[in-house]
Amino acid sequence: HCLAVGTTSSTVSDVIPAQGQVLA
């Protein structure tokens, strides 16, 4: 069982307010 986390934003050039994203 593994987990990966990040953001729903696809922007890589700046930090954009977005929701957290969890994959399993």
PDB file of all heavy atoms in Angstrom:
ATOM      1  N   HIS A   1       0.843  -1.200   0.000  1.00  0.00           N
ATOM      2  CA  HIS A   1       0.000   0.000   0.000  1.00  0.00           C
ATOM      3  C   HIS A   1       0.873   1.243   0.000  1.00  0.00           C
ATOM      4  O   HIS A   1       1.665   1.463   0.921  1.00  0.00           O
ATOM      5  CB  HIS A   1      -0.902  -0.009   1.236  1.00  0.00           C
ATOM      6  CG  HIS A   1      -1.750   1.216   1.364  1.00  0.00           C
ATOM      7  ND1 HIS A   1      -2.098   1.755   2.579  1.00  0.00           N
ATOM      8  CD2 HIS A   1      -2.332   2.009   0.419  1.00  0.00           C
ATOM      9  CE1 HIS A   1      -2.846   2.830   2.394  1.00  0.00           C
ATOM     10  NE2 HIS A   1      -3.007   2.993   1.089  1.00  0.00           N
ATOM     11  N   CYS A   2       0.732   2.091  -1.016  1.00  0.00           N
ATOM     12  CA  CYS A   2       1.536   3.310  -1.148  1.00  0.00           C
ATOM     13  C   CYS A   2       0.627   4.516  -1.356  1.00  0.00           C
ATOM     14  O   CYS A   2      -0.484   4.389  -1.888  1.00  0.00           O
ATOM     15  CB  CYS A   2       2.507   3.204  -2.323  1.00  0.00           C
ATOM     16  SG  CYS A   2       3.655   1.806  -2.217  1.00  0.00           S
ATOM     17  N   LEU A   3       1.126   5.687  -0.955  1.00  0.00           N
ATOM     18  CA  LEU A   3       0.400   6.943  -1.089  1.00  0.00           C
ATOM     19  C   LEU A   3       1.291   7.980  -1.748  1.00  0.00           C
ATOM     20  O   LEU A   3       2.498   8.032  -1.482  1.00  0.00           O
ATOM     21  CB  LEU A   3      -0.046   7.460   0.282  1.00  0.00           C
ATOM     22  CG  LEU A   3      -0.985   6.564   1.086  1.00  0.00           C
ATOM     23  CD1 LEU A   3      -1.066   7.055   2.531  1.00  0.00           C
ATOM     24  CD2 LEU A   3      -2.370   6.544   0.454  1.00  0.00           C
ATOM     25  N   ALA A   4       0.716   8.807  -2.596  1.00  0.00           N
ATOM     26  CA  ALA A   4       1.423   9.923  -3.214  1.00  0.00           C
ATOM     27  C   ALA A   4       0.577  11.172  -3.035  1.00  0.00           C
ATOM     28  O   ALA A   4      -0.654  11.112  -3.078  1.00  0.00           O
ATOM     29  CB  ALA A   4       1.677   9.664  -4.697  1.00  0.00           C
ATOM     30  N   VAL A   5       1.243  12.315  -2.813  1.00  0.00           N
ATOM     31  CA  VAL A   5       0.509  13.550  -2.537  1.00  0.00           C
ATOM     32  C   VAL A   5       1.033  14.692  -3.387  1.00  0.00           C
ATOM     33  O   VAL A   5       2.174  14.683  -3.841  1.00  0.00           O
ATOM     34  CB  VAL A   5       0.595  13.931  -1.040  1.00  0.00           C
ATOM     35  CG1 VAL A   5      -0.080  12.886  -0.174  1.00  0.00           C
ATOM     36  CG2 VAL A   5       2.053  14.123  -0.612  1.00  0.00           C
ATOM     37  N   GLY A   6       0.168  15.691  -3.575  1.00  0.00           N
ATOM     38  CA  GLY A   6       0.548  16.870  -4.343  1.00  0.00           C
ATOM     39  C   GLY A   6      -0.592  17.859  -4.352  1.00  0.00           C
ATOM     40  O   GLY A   6      -1.270  18.070  -3.346  1.00  0.00           O
ATOM     41  N   THR A   7      -0.838  18.447  -5.508  1.00  0.00           N
ATOM     42  CA  THR A   7      -1.859  19.470  -5.666  1.00  0.00           C
ATOM     43  C   THR A   7      -2.654  19.224  -6.928  1.00  0.00           C
ATOM     44  O   THR A   7      -2.145  18.607  -7.876  1.00  0.00           O
ATOM     45  CB  THR A   7      -1.205  20.869  -5.726  1.00  0.00           C
ATOM     46  OG1 THR A   7      -2.176  21.837  -6.087  1.00  0.00           O
ATOM     47  CG2 THR A   7      -0.091  20.912  -6.765  1.00  0.00           C
ATOM     48  N   THR A   8      -3.889  19.709  -6.950  1.00  0.00           N
ATOM     49  CA  THR A   8      -4.684  19.581  -8.166  1.00  0.00           C
ATOM     50  C   THR A   8      -4.223  20.559  -9.241  1.00  0.00           C
ATOM     51  O   THR A   8      -4.606  20.422 -10.405  1.00  0.00           O
ATOM     52  CB  THR A   8      -6.173  19.830  -7.877  1.00  0.00           C
ATOM     53  OG1 THR A   8      -6.315  21.111  -7.240  1.00  0.00           O
ATOM     54  CG2 THR A   8      -6.744  18.755  -6.970  1.00  0.00           C
ATOM     55  N   SER A   9      -3.393  21.531  -8.878  1.00  0.00           N
ATOM     56  CA  SER A   9      -2.892  22.494  -9.854  1.00  0.00           C
ATOM     57  C   SER A   9      -1.837  21.854 -10.752  1.00  0.00           C
ATOM     58  O   SER A   9      -0.968  21.124 -10.282  1.00  0.00           O
ATOM     59  CB  SER A   9      -2.285  23.708  -9.142  1.00  0.00           C
ATOM     60  OG  SER A   9      -1.617  24.553 -10.066  1.00  0.00           O
ATOM     61  N   SER A  10      -1.906  22.173 -12.031  1.00  0.00           N
ATOM     62  CA  SER A  10      -0.905  21.690 -12.981  1.00  0.00           C
ATOM     63  C   SER A  10       0.162  22.738 -13.261  1.00  0.00           C
ATOM     64  O   SER A  10       1.074  22.493 -14.059  1.00  0.00           O
ATOM     65  CB  SER A  10      -1.583  21.291 -14.299  1.00  0.00           C
ATOM     66  OG  SER A  10      -2.151  22.436 -14.936  1.00  0.00           O
ATOM     67  N   THR A  11       0.084  23.872 -12.596  1.00  0.00           N
ATOM     68  CA  THR A  11       1.040  24.953 -12.830  1.00  0.00           C
ATOM     69  C   THR A  11       2.367  24.625 -12.167  1.00  0.00           C
ATOM     70  O   THR A  11       2.419  24.311 -10.976  1.00  0.00           O
ATOM     71  CB  THR A  11       0.513  26.287 -12.281  1.00  0.00           C
ATOM     72  OG1 THR A  11      -0.719  26.593 -12.919  1.00  0.00           O
ATOM     73  CG2 THR A  11       1.507  27.407 -12.531  1.00  0.00           C
ATOM     74  N   VAL A  12       3.453  24.695 -12.931  1.00  0.00           N
ATOM     75  CA  VAL A  12       4.771  24.356 -12.403  1.00  0.00           C
ATOM     76  C   VAL A  12       5.666  25.576 -12.260  1.00  0.00           C
ATOM     77  O   VAL A  12       6.734  25.503 -11.645  1.00  0.00           O
ATOM     78  CB  VAL A  12       5.468  23.307 -13.285  1.00  0.00           C
ATOM     79  CG1 VAL A  12       4.619  22.055 -13.382  1.00  0.00           C
ATOM     80  CG2 VAL A  12       5.747  23.861 -14.688  1.00  0.00           C
ATOM     81  N   SER A  13       5.256  26.713 -12.805  1.00  0.00           N
ATOM     82  CA  SER A  13       6.094  27.907 -12.790  1.00  0.00           C
ATOM     83  C   SER A  13       5.853  28.776 -11.570  1.00  0.00           C
ATOM     84  O   SER A  13       6.587  29.729 -11.333  1.00  0.00           O
ATOM     85  CB  SER A  13       5.845  28.733 -14.061  1.00  0.00           C
ATOM     86  OG  SER A  13       4.467  29.040 -14.203  1.00  0.00           O
ATOM     87  N   ASP A  14       4.799  28.468 -10.781  1.00  0.00           N
ATOM     88  CA  ASP A  14       4.481  29.270  -9.611  1.00  0.00           C
ATOM     89  C   ASP A  14       3.617  28.425  -8.681  1.00  0.00           C
ATOM     90  O   ASP A  14       3.096  27.380  -9.071  1.00  0.00           O
ATOM     91  CB  ASP A  14       3.721  30.546 -10.017  1.00  0.00           C
ATOM     92  CG  ASP A  14       3.707  31.600  -8.928  1.00  0.00           C
ATOM     93  OD1 ASP A  14       4.326  31.360  -7.875  1.00  0.00           O
ATOM     94  OD2 ASP A  14       3.087  32.650  -9.134  1.00  0.00           O
ATOM     95  N   VAL A  15       3.489  28.858  -7.416  1.00  0.00           N
ATOM     96  CA  VAL A  15       2.621  28.177  -6.463  1.00  0.00           C
ATOM     97  C   VAL A  15       1.219  28.766  -6.597  1.00  0.00           C
ATOM     98  O   VAL A  15       1.006  29.947  -6.327  1.00  0.00           O
ATOM     99  CB  VAL A  15       3.130  28.334  -5.024  1.00  0.00           C
ATOM    100  CG1 VAL A  15       2.156  27.680  -4.050  1.00  0.00           C
ATOM    101  CG2 VAL A  15       4.519  27.727  -4.889  1.00  0.00           C
ATOM    102  N   ILE A  16       0.276  27.941  -7.030  1.00  0.00           N
ATOM    103  CA  ILE A  16      -1.094  28.377  -7.250  1.00  0.00           C
ATOM    104  C   ILE A  16      -1.976  27.772  -6.161  1.00  0.00           C
ATOM    105  O   ILE A  16      -1.944  26.557  -5.935  1.00  0.00           O
ATOM    106  CB  ILE A  16      -1.595  27.922  -8.631  1.00  0.00           C
ATOM    107  CG1 ILE A  16      -0.695  28.491  -9.732  1.00  0.00           C
ATOM    108  CG2 ILE A  16      -3.036  28.338  -8.837  1.00  0.00           C
ATOM    109  CD1 ILE A  16      -0.678  29.999  -9.820  1.00  0.00           C
ATOM    110  N   PRO A  17      -2.778  28.576  -5.454  1.00  0.00           N
ATOM    111  CA  PRO A  17      -3.696  28.001  -4.467  1.00  0.00           C
ATOM    112  C   PRO A  17      -4.594  26.956  -5.112  1.00  0.00           C
ATOM    113  O   PRO A  17      -5.248  27.221  -6.120  1.00  0.00           O
ATOM    114  CB  PRO A  17      -4.492  29.216  -3.983  1.00  0.00           C
ATOM    115  CG  PRO A  17      -3.575  30.379  -4.209  1.00  0.00           C
ATOM    116  CD  PRO A  17      -2.846  30.051  -5.482  1.00  0.00           C
ATOM    117  N   ALA A  18      -4.600  25.767  -4.545  1.00  0.00           N
ATOM    118  CA  ALA A  18      -5.397  24.673  -5.105  1.00  0.00           C
ATOM    119  C   ALA A  18      -5.670  23.667  -4.000  1.00  0.00           C
ATOM    120  O   ALA A  18      -5.164  23.793  -2.879  1.00  0.00           O
ATOM    121  CB  ALA A  18      -4.649  24.014  -6.267  1.00  0.00           C
ATOM    122  N   GLN A  19      -6.453  22.654  -4.311  1.00  0.00           N
ATOM    123  CA  GLN A  19      -6.766  21.611  -3.351  1.00  0.00           C
ATOM    124  C   GLN A  19      -5.636  20.584  -3.282  1.00  0.00           C
ATOM    125  O   GLN A  19      -4.886  20.403  -4.238  1.00  0.00           O
ATOM    126  CB  GLN A  19      -8.067  20.910  -3.742  1.00  0.00           C
ATOM    127  CG  GLN A  19      -9.296  21.789  -3.612  1.00  0.00           C
ATOM    128  CD  GLN A  19      -9.500  22.264  -2.185  1.00  0.00           C
ATOM    129  OE1 GLN A  19      -9.475  21.474  -1.242  1.00  0.00           O
ATOM    130  NE2 GLN A  19      -9.691  23.570  -2.015  1.00  0.00           N
ATOM    131  N   GLY A  20      -5.544  19.938  -2.143  1.00  0.00           N
ATOM    132  CA  GLY A  20      -4.584  18.850  -2.015  1.00  0.00           C
ATOM    133  C   GLY A  20      -5.040  17.642  -2.805  1.00  0.00           C
ATOM    134  O   GLY A  20      -6.235  17.428  -3.029  1.00  0.00           O
ATOM    135  N   GLN A  21      -4.083  16.855  -3.241  1.00  0.00           N
ATOM    136  CA  GLN A  21      -4.380  15.681  -4.057  1.00  0.00           C
ATOM    137  C   GLN A  21      -3.684  14.467  -3.460  1.00  0.00           C
ATOM    138  O   GLN A  21      -2.492  14.521  -3.144  1.00  0.00           O
ATOM    139  CB  GLN A  21      -3.881  15.915  -5.481  1.00  0.00           C
ATOM    140  CG  GLN A  21      -4.143  14.783  -6.449  1.00  0.00           C
ATOM    141  CD  GLN A  21      -3.860  15.210  -7.877  1.00  0.00           C
ATOM    142  OE1 GLN A  21      -4.754  15.514  -8.641  1.00  0.00           O
ATOM    143  NE2 GLN A  21      -2.586  15.268  -8.230  1.00  0.00           N
ATOM    144  N   VAL A  22      -4.436  13.382  -3.279  1.00  0.00           N
ATOM    145  CA  VAL A  22      -3.886  12.147  -2.719  1.00  0.00           C
ATOM    146  C   VAL A  22      -4.172  11.010  -3.690  1.00  0.00           C
ATOM    147  O   VAL A  22      -5.318  10.806  -4.116  1.00  0.00           O
ATOM    148  CB  VAL A  22      -4.503  11.821  -1.348  1.00  0.00           C
ATOM    149  CG1 VAL A  22      -3.876  10.546  -0.778  1.00  0.00           C
ATOM    150  CG2 VAL A  22      -4.317  12.983  -0.376  1.00  0.00           C
ATOM    151  N   LEU A  23      -3.130  10.274  -4.054  1.00  0.00           N
ATOM    152  CA  LEU A  23      -3.261   9.074  -4.871  1.00  0.00           C
ATOM    153  C   LEU A  23      -2.896   7.864  -4.023  1.00  0.00           C
ATOM    154  O   LEU A  23      -2.087   7.957  -3.096  1.00  0.00           O
ATOM    155  CB  LEU A  23      -2.352   9.134  -6.095  1.00  0.00           C
ATOM    156  CG  LEU A  23      -2.519  10.310  -7.056  1.00  0.00           C
ATOM    157  CD1 LEU A  23      -1.561  10.149  -8.238  1.00  0.00           C
ATOM    158  CD2 LEU A  23      -3.943  10.435  -7.537  1.00  0.00           C
ATOM    159  N   ALA A  24      -3.468   6.719  -4.352  1.00  0.00           N
ATOM    160  CA  ALA A  24      -3.189   5.491  -3.621  1.00  0.00           C
ATOM    161  C   ALA A  24      -2.875   4.369  -4.589  1.00  0.00           C
ATOM    162  O   ALA A  24      -3.400   4.314  -5.704  1.00  0.00           O
ATOM    163  CB  ALA A  24      -4.376   5.107  -2.740  1.00  0.00           C
TER     164      ALA A  24
END
